[in-house]
Amino acid sequence: MNHGRHIETHSSLLFVFLSFTFPSYLCLYVSDVIRDQVAALHWIQENIGEFGGDPTNVTIFGQGQGAAFANVLMLAPMAKGTCAYTLIELTLINLEDG
């Protein structure tokens, strides 16, 4: 939890936190969420140097719903060139164990 801090530095790393709320009943608006995330990635490309970051070395990370969006962003033509790496955290559920 970032408690309102949107940019943090740790040694040679610079973290920019993007947050979104995506209630399940808004599934028709997935394209809006993706468009917002792509716009944020373009903002990072244009401005991260002002914070000491390297626009050619941007990594996006997603967990849960964010992992699904990170997968989409890896493949989205409109996000091409906005990130060099993607980290995906998935949780596997074994339904046979009850």
C-alpha atoms as a PDB file:
ATOM      1  CA  MET A   1       0.000   0.000   0.000  1.00  0.00           C
ATOM      2  CA  ASN A   2       1.516   3.314  -1.002  1.00  0.00           C
ATOM      3  CA  HIS A   3      -0.536   5.583   1.337  1.00  0.00           C
ATOM      4  CA  GLY A   4      -0.797   8.348  -1.228  1.00  0.00           C
ATOM      5  CA  ARG A   5       2.846   8.359  -2.291  1.00  0.00           C
ATOM      6  CA  HIS A   6       2.970   7.951  -6.043  1.00  0.00           C
ATOM      7  CA  ILE A   7       6.711   8.079  -6.620  1.00  0.00           C
ATOM      8  CA  GLU A   8       9.319   6.393  -4.441  1.00  0.00           C
ATOM      9  CA  THR A   9      13.033   5.871  -4.923  1.00  0.00           C
ATOM     10  CA  HIS A  10      15.080   2.974  -3.582  1.00  0.00           C
ATOM     11  CA  SER A  11      18.774   2.977  -4.551  1.00  0.00           C
ATOM     12  CA  SER A  12      18.745   2.893  -8.347  1.00  0.00           C
ATOM     13  CA  LEU A  13      15.035   2.064  -8.654  1.00  0.00           C
ATOM     14  CA  LEU A  14      12.215   4.536  -9.187  1.00  0.00           C
ATOM     15  CA  PHE A  15       8.669   3.318  -8.503  1.00  0.00           C
ATOM     16  CA  VAL A  16       5.628   4.997 -10.025  1.00  0.00           C
ATOM     17  CA  PHE A  17       2.348   3.616  -8.733  1.00  0.00           C
ATOM     18  CA  LEU A  18      -0.702   3.644 -10.986  1.00  0.00           C
ATOM     19  CA  SER A  19      -3.977   2.821  -9.301  1.00  0.00           C
ATOM     20  CA  PHE A  20      -7.354   2.068 -10.752  1.00  0.00           C
ATOM     21  CA  THR A  21     -10.699   0.922  -9.464  1.00  0.00           C
ATOM     22  CA  PHE A  22     -12.451  -1.581 -11.644  1.00  0.00           C
ATOM     23  CA  PRO A  23     -15.705  -2.930 -10.175  1.00  0.00           C
ATOM     24  CA  SER A  24     -16.812  -6.181 -11.799  1.00  0.00           C
ATOM     25  CA  TYR A  25     -20.111  -4.674 -12.966  1.00  0.00           C
ATOM     26  CA  LEU A  26     -18.190  -2.253 -15.191  1.00  0.00           C
ATOM     27  CA  CYS A  27     -16.855  -4.972 -17.492  1.00  0.00           C
ATOM     28  CA  LEU A  28     -18.130  -2.998 -20.501  1.00  0.00           C
ATOM     29  CA  TYR A  29     -15.571  -0.287 -19.757  1.00  0.00           C
ATOM     30  CA  VAL A  30     -12.402  -2.384 -20.010  1.00  0.00           C
ATOM     31  CA  SER A  31     -11.272  -0.409 -23.053  1.00  0.00           C
ATOM     32  CA  ASP A  32     -11.505   2.826 -21.031  1.00  0.00           C
ATOM     33  CA  VAL A  33      -9.290   1.367 -18.287  1.00  0.00           C
ATOM     34  CA  ILE A  34      -6.741   0.175 -20.849  1.00  0.00           C
ATOM     35  CA  ARG A  35      -6.798   3.532 -22.618  1.00  0.00           C
ATOM     36  CA  ASP A  36      -6.160   5.283 -19.261  1.00  0.00           C
ATOM     37  CA  GLN A  37      -3.270   2.936 -18.468  1.00  0.00           C
ATOM     38  CA  VAL A  38      -1.732   3.475 -21.908  1.00  0.00           C
ATOM     39  CA  ALA A  39      -2.031   7.235 -21.400  1.00  0.00           C
ATOM     40  CA  ALA A  40      -0.248   6.854 -18.039  1.00  0.00           C
ATOM     41  CA  LEU A  41       2.537   4.837 -19.679  1.00  0.00           C
ATOM     42  CA  HIS A  42       2.965   7.538 -22.322  1.00  0.00           C
ATOM     43  CA  TRP A  43       3.114  10.161 -19.543  1.00  0.00           C
ATOM     44  CA  ILE A  44       5.822   8.101 -17.835  1.00  0.00           C
ATOM     45  CA  GLN A  45       7.788   7.920 -21.098  1.00  0.00           C
ATOM     46  CA  GLU A  46       7.621  11.685 -21.497  1.00  0.00           C
ATOM     47  CA  ASN A  47       8.292  12.658 -17.869  1.00  0.00           C
ATOM     48  CA  ILE A  48      10.179   9.935 -15.992  1.00  0.00           C
ATOM     49  CA  GLY A  49      13.524  11.528 -16.857  1.00  0.00           C
ATOM     50  CA  GLU A  50      12.544  14.563 -14.746  1.00  0.00           C
ATOM     51  CA  PHE A  51      12.498  12.233 -11.712  1.00  0.00           C
ATOM     52  CA  GLY A  52      15.795  10.546 -12.531  1.00  0.00           C
ATOM     53  CA  GLY A  53      14.231   7.566 -14.289  1.00  0.00           C
ATOM     54  CA  ASP A  54      15.163   5.948 -17.591  1.00  0.00           C
ATOM     55  CA  PRO A  55      12.327   5.849 -20.150  1.00  0.00           C
ATOM     56  CA  THR A  56      14.048   2.971 -21.971  1.00  0.00           C
ATOM     57  CA  ASN A  57      14.019   0.787 -18.855  1.00  0.00           C
ATOM     58  CA  VAL A  58      10.383   0.871 -17.663  1.00  0.00           C
ATOM     59  CA  THR A  59       8.923  -2.283 -16.094  1.00  0.00           C
ATOM     60  CA  ILE A  60       5.213  -2.720 -15.431  1.00  0.00           C
ATOM     61  CA  PHE A  61       3.978  -5.069 -12.709  1.00  0.00           C
ATOM     62  CA  GLY A  62       0.521  -6.506 -12.270  1.00  0.00           C
ATOM     63  CA  GLN A  63      -1.066  -8.694  -9.616  1.00  0.00           C
ATOM     64  CA  GLY A  64      -4.611 -10.066  -9.724  1.00  0.00           C
ATOM     65  CA  GLN A  65      -6.672  -7.934 -12.097  1.00  0.00           C
ATOM     66  CA  GLY A  66      -3.556  -5.863 -12.665  1.00  0.00           C
ATOM     67  CA  ALA A  67      -1.816  -8.990 -14.035  1.00  0.00           C
ATOM     68  CA  ALA A  68      -4.540  -9.355 -16.647  1.00  0.00           C
ATOM     69  CA  PHE A  69      -4.159  -5.702 -17.635  1.00  0.00           C
ATOM     70  CA  ALA A  70      -0.359  -6.025 -17.736  1.00  0.00           C
ATOM     71  CA  ASN A  71      -0.778  -8.933 -20.160  1.00  0.00           C
ATOM     72  CA  VAL A  72      -3.046  -6.826 -22.353  1.00  0.00           C
ATOM     73  CA  LEU A  73      -0.616  -3.907 -22.245  1.00  0.00           C
ATOM     74  CA  MET A  74       2.218  -6.176 -23.402  1.00  0.00           C
ATOM     75  CA  LEU A  75       0.220  -6.955 -26.541  1.00  0.00           C
ATOM     76  CA  ALA A  76      -1.634  -3.689 -27.160  1.00  0.00           C
ATOM     77  CA  PRO A  77      -0.343  -1.858 -30.246  1.00  0.00           C
ATOM     78  CA  MET A  78      -1.133   1.519 -28.652  1.00  0.00           C
ATOM     79  CA  ALA A  79       1.213   0.666 -25.734  1.00  0.00           C
ATOM     80  CA  LYS A  80       4.101  -0.412 -27.967  1.00  0.00           C
ATOM     81  CA  GLY A  81       7.403   1.078 -26.847  1.00  0.00           C
ATOM     82  CA  THR A  82       6.130   2.269 -23.462  1.00  0.00           C
ATOM     83  CA  CYS A  83       7.707  -0.466 -21.351  1.00  0.00           C
ATOM     84  CA  ALA A  84      10.725  -2.729 -21.654  1.00  0.00           C
ATOM     85  CA  TYR A  85       9.660  -5.424 -19.175  1.00  0.00           C
ATOM     86  CA  THR A  86       6.504  -6.814 -17.627  1.00  0.00           C
ATOM     87  CA  LEU A  87       6.193  -8.745 -14.356  1.00  0.00           C
ATOM     88  CA  ILE A  88       3.021 -10.761 -13.831  1.00  0.00           C
ATOM     89  CA  GLU A  89       1.941 -12.213 -10.463  1.00  0.00           C
ATOM     90  CA  LEU A  90      -0.764 -14.844 -10.687  1.00  0.00           C
ATOM     91  CA  THR A  91      -2.464 -16.902  -8.008  1.00  0.00           C
ATOM     92  CA  LEU A  92      -3.340 -20.464  -8.894  1.00  0.00           C
ATOM     93  CA  ILE A  93      -6.411 -22.021  -7.276  1.00  0.00           C
ATOM     94  CA  ASN A  94      -6.888 -25.754  -6.970  1.00  0.00           C
ATOM     95  CA  LEU A  95     -10.651 -26.269  -7.024  1.00  0.00           C
ATOM     96  CA  GLU A  96     -10.333 -30.019  -6.375  1.00  0.00           C
ATOM     97  CA  ASP A  97      -9.140 -29.462  -2.798  1.00  0.00           C
ATOM     98  CA  GLY A  98     -12.392 -27.676  -1.918  1.00  0.00           C
END
